Protein backbone atom coordinates (compact mmCIF):
# COMPACT_ATOMS: atom_id res chain seq x y z
CA MET A 1 88.98 91.98 91.31
CA SER A 2 89.37 88.30 91.83
CA GLY A 3 86.69 88.15 94.44
CA CYS A 4 83.97 89.03 91.95
CA CYS A 5 84.42 88.09 88.33
CA GLY A 6 87.69 86.16 88.44
CA SER A 7 91.10 87.34 87.31
CA ALA A 8 90.65 85.89 83.81
CA SER A 9 87.86 88.34 83.06
CA TYR A 10 90.08 91.24 84.11
CA THR A 11 92.99 90.01 82.04
CA SER A 12 90.75 89.97 78.98
CA VAL A 13 90.05 93.70 79.46
CA PHE A 14 93.18 95.01 81.20
CA GLY A 15 95.68 93.20 79.03
CA PRO A 16 99.05 93.97 77.41
CA ARG A 17 97.54 96.01 74.59
CA LEU A 18 95.84 98.35 77.05
CA ALA A 19 99.04 98.66 79.09
CA ARG A 20 101.00 99.73 76.02
CA GLY A 21 98.30 102.17 74.96
CA LEU A 22 98.02 103.83 78.39
CA ALA A 23 101.77 104.24 78.68
CA ALA A 24 102.07 105.68 75.17
CA ARG A 25 99.25 108.15 75.79
CA TYR A 26 100.78 109.32 79.06
CA ARG A 27 104.15 109.84 77.40
CA ARG A 28 102.54 111.98 74.69
CA ARG A 29 99.96 113.94 76.67
CA GLY A 30 100.52 113.51 80.40
CA PRO A 31 97.56 112.81 82.71
CA ASP A 32 94.10 112.90 81.14
CA ARG A 33 91.28 115.18 82.28
CA ALA A 34 89.77 112.76 84.80
CA THR A 35 93.19 112.06 86.33
CA ARG A 36 93.85 115.79 86.59
CA ARG A 37 90.64 116.14 88.59
CA VAL A 38 91.81 113.44 91.00
CA LEU A 39 95.16 115.19 91.30
CA ALA A 40 93.43 118.49 92.04
CA VAL A 41 91.56 116.93 94.95
CA LEU A 42 94.76 115.32 96.23
CA ASP A 43 96.60 118.64 95.90
CA ALA A 44 93.90 120.27 98.03
CA GLN A 45 94.44 117.67 100.74
CA GLY A 46 98.24 117.76 100.49
CA VAL A 47 100.56 114.87 99.64
CA GLU A 48 103.94 116.25 100.73
CA GLY A 49 105.82 113.46 102.49
CA ALA A 50 102.85 111.08 102.29
CA SER A 51 102.78 107.38 101.60
CA VAL A 52 100.21 106.64 98.89
CA LEU A 53 98.40 103.38 98.19
CA GLU A 54 96.73 103.23 94.79
CA ILE A 55 94.36 100.36 94.12
CA GLY A 56 94.29 99.53 90.42
CA GLY A 57 96.77 102.18 89.33
CA GLY A 58 97.55 100.66 85.94
CA VAL A 59 100.84 101.90 84.52
CA GLY A 60 101.22 104.23 87.49
CA GLU A 61 100.84 107.64 85.88
CA LEU A 62 98.92 109.10 88.80
CA GLN A 63 101.57 107.87 91.22
CA LEU A 64 104.33 109.47 89.15
CA GLU A 65 102.49 112.78 89.34
CA LEU A 66 102.11 112.46 93.11
CA LEU A 67 105.80 111.65 93.59
CA ARG A 68 106.64 114.79 91.61
CA ARG A 69 104.36 116.69 94.01
CA GLY A 70 106.34 115.50 97.00
CA ALA A 71 104.78 112.17 98.01
CA ALA A 72 107.38 110.04 99.80
CA ARG A 73 106.51 106.66 98.30
CA THR A 74 103.72 104.80 96.54
CA THR A 75 102.34 101.28 96.50
CA ASN A 76 100.31 100.00 93.55
CA LEU A 77 97.97 97.00 93.78
CA GLU A 78 96.80 95.12 90.68
CA LEU A 79 94.80 91.98 90.06
CA VAL A 80 96.58 91.17 86.81
CA ASP A 81 100.22 91.17 85.77
CA SER A 82 99.73 92.79 82.36
CA TYR A 83 101.42 96.04 83.37
CA GLU A 84 104.43 94.18 84.76
CA ALA A 85 104.61 91.68 81.89
CA GLU A 86 104.82 94.54 79.42
CA ALA A 87 107.23 96.43 81.71
CA GLU A 88 105.39 99.67 80.88
CA ALA A 89 104.97 100.75 84.50
CA ALA A 90 108.62 100.05 85.29
CA ALA A 91 109.75 101.95 82.19
CA LEU A 92 107.71 105.02 83.12
CA ALA A 93 109.02 104.99 86.70
CA ALA A 94 112.60 104.57 85.49
CA ALA A 95 112.27 107.47 83.05
CA ALA A 96 110.90 109.66 85.84
CA GLY A 97 113.63 108.57 88.25
CA THR A 98 111.09 107.31 90.79
CA GLY A 99 111.56 103.55 90.50
CA GLY A 100 113.05 103.22 93.97
CA ARG A 101 110.06 104.92 95.58
CA THR A 102 107.36 102.73 94.04
CA VAL A 103 106.30 99.20 94.99
CA ARG A 104 103.99 97.23 92.71
CA ARG A 105 102.13 94.13 93.90
CA GLN A 106 99.55 91.75 92.49
CA LEU A 107 96.96 91.58 95.25
CA ASP A 108 93.19 91.74 95.80
CA ILE A 109 92.90 94.02 98.83
CA ALA A 110 89.22 93.22 99.29
CA ALA A 111 90.02 89.52 99.67
CA ASP A 112 93.32 89.84 101.56
CA SER A 113 93.29 93.18 103.34
CA GLY A 114 95.89 92.14 105.90
CA ALA A 115 98.58 91.71 103.26
CA VAL A 116 99.24 95.43 102.83
CA ALA A 117 100.04 98.12 105.39
CA VAL A 118 98.11 101.29 106.15
CA HIS A 119 99.19 104.28 104.03
CA ASP A 120 98.60 107.99 104.59
CA VAL A 121 96.52 108.33 101.41
CA VAL A 122 94.52 105.75 99.45
CA VAL A 123 93.44 106.35 95.84
CA LEU A 124 90.94 104.43 93.71
CA HIS A 125 90.72 106.03 90.26
CA ARG A 126 88.25 104.41 87.84
CA VAL A 127 88.29 101.26 89.97
CA VAL A 128 85.05 101.01 91.98
CA CYS A 129 83.04 100.82 88.76
CA CYS A 130 84.85 97.57 87.92
CA TYR A 131 83.87 95.82 91.16
CA PRO A 132 80.33 94.56 91.87
CA ASP A 133 80.66 94.63 95.68
CA HIS A 134 81.48 98.26 96.26
CA ALA A 135 80.98 97.98 100.03
CA ARG A 136 83.62 95.27 100.39
CA LEU A 137 86.17 97.10 98.27
CA LEU A 138 85.65 100.53 99.80
CA ALA A 139 85.65 99.18 103.35
CA ALA A 140 89.02 97.54 102.74
CA ALA A 141 90.36 100.70 101.12
CA ALA A 142 89.13 102.88 103.99
CA ASP A 143 90.79 100.63 106.56
CA HIS A 144 94.13 101.34 104.86
CA ALA A 145 93.70 105.13 104.70
CA GLY A 146 95.49 106.67 107.64
CA ARG A 147 94.71 110.25 106.66
CA ALA A 148 92.70 110.53 103.45
CA LEU A 149 91.00 108.66 100.61
CA VAL A 150 90.15 109.86 97.11
CA PHE A 151 88.11 107.91 94.59
CA SER A 152 86.47 108.47 91.23
CA PHE A 153 83.28 106.92 89.90
CA PRO A 154 80.81 107.36 87.04
CA PRO A 155 77.67 109.39 87.79
CA ARG A 156 74.54 107.33 88.28
CA THR A 157 72.39 109.06 85.65
CA PRO A 158 70.06 107.69 82.95
CA VAL A 159 72.68 108.52 80.31
CA SER A 160 75.57 106.88 82.15
CA ARG A 161 73.52 103.80 82.95
CA ALA A 162 72.49 103.48 79.30
CA LEU A 163 76.13 103.74 78.21
CA LEU A 164 77.15 101.11 80.74
CA ALA A 165 74.39 98.82 79.50
CA LEU A 166 75.78 99.11 75.97
CA VAL A 167 79.32 98.40 77.12
CA ASN A 168 78.21 95.43 79.22
CA GLY A 169 76.19 94.16 76.28
CA PHE A 170 79.38 94.17 74.23
CA TYR A 171 81.16 92.12 76.90
CA ARG A 172 78.34 89.59 76.82
CA VAL A 173 78.57 89.30 73.04
CA ILE A 174 82.30 88.59 73.14
CA GLY A 175 81.85 86.08 75.94
CA SER A 176 83.55 88.06 78.71
CA SER A 177 82.24 87.93 82.29
CA PHE A 178 83.70 91.36 83.03
CA ARG A 179 81.14 94.08 83.83
CA ASN A 180 81.10 97.77 84.68
CA TYR A 181 78.90 99.21 87.43
CA ALA A 182 77.39 102.57 88.35
CA HIS A 183 77.03 102.18 92.11
CA PRO A 184 74.87 104.66 94.06
CA PRO A 185 77.21 107.49 95.14
CA GLU A 186 75.52 108.02 98.50
CA ALA A 187 75.77 104.31 99.32
CA MET A 188 79.48 104.38 98.56
CA LEU A 189 80.04 107.46 100.70
CA GLU A 190 78.09 105.88 103.55
CA VAL A 191 80.48 102.91 103.57
CA LEU A 192 83.40 105.31 103.96
CA ARG A 193 81.66 107.38 106.62
CA ALA A 194 81.06 104.22 108.62
CA ARG A 195 84.84 103.65 108.55
CA GLY A 196 85.59 107.06 110.03
CA LEU A 197 86.06 109.16 106.88
CA ARG A 198 84.19 112.35 106.09
CA PRO A 199 83.74 113.95 102.65
CA VAL A 200 85.53 117.28 102.20
CA HIS A 201 86.00 117.59 98.43
CA ALA A 202 83.78 116.83 95.45
CA CYS A 203 84.33 117.32 91.74
CA HIS A 204 81.47 116.67 89.32
CA GLY A 205 82.51 115.89 85.76
CA ARG A 206 80.30 114.67 82.96
CA PHE A 207 81.76 111.17 82.88
CA TRP A 208 83.66 110.94 86.18
CA ARG A 209 83.02 112.31 89.63
CA VAL A 210 85.71 112.58 92.28
CA ALA A 211 85.26 112.51 96.06
CA GLY A 212 87.89 113.29 98.66
CA LEU A 213 87.52 112.21 102.29
CA VAL A 214 89.64 112.68 105.40
CA ARG A 215 89.80 111.30 108.93
């Protein structure tokens, strides 16, 4: 997000080529395994009639799945305009017939939390690992979760940390300031507990873990 590395570093990673690739993959295969895990946790909590705020939702595939499950409306927040510039997110929503129930904004919620309303459910899928100040981001997200919050994150293991080191080394070589992070899971959960949320669901995958919390 802009409050950490600057929007230019995010644009270099989350650019038009990625937007096209994500949209094409979703059209061919539907949600990937990690996204299905997030959806399973959200299904357990219930999304019927809910307003959903997704932070860093990309082309919006998770939101489309939630709207099909009965969510009333969704709001997507992005730091970059790559997904809008390529019109991939709008095309997916139009094809699904959900365009009128989705709002997309370019906004850093951690820096400007008052610019977006509270929603029933907040989702951060593969987002916290892109932000160095997890406490700031999660606190802002929690303050906008009226009922529940679900987020995914990489496990903090020797293997995952070694893989992240390799990826971050690549970014250094190409001159990008973007970095990935494996924040301590308990520290992240403690931030959310301090904001009135309690963990009720956990899913432990090899590369992604998912936590669901409610008020």
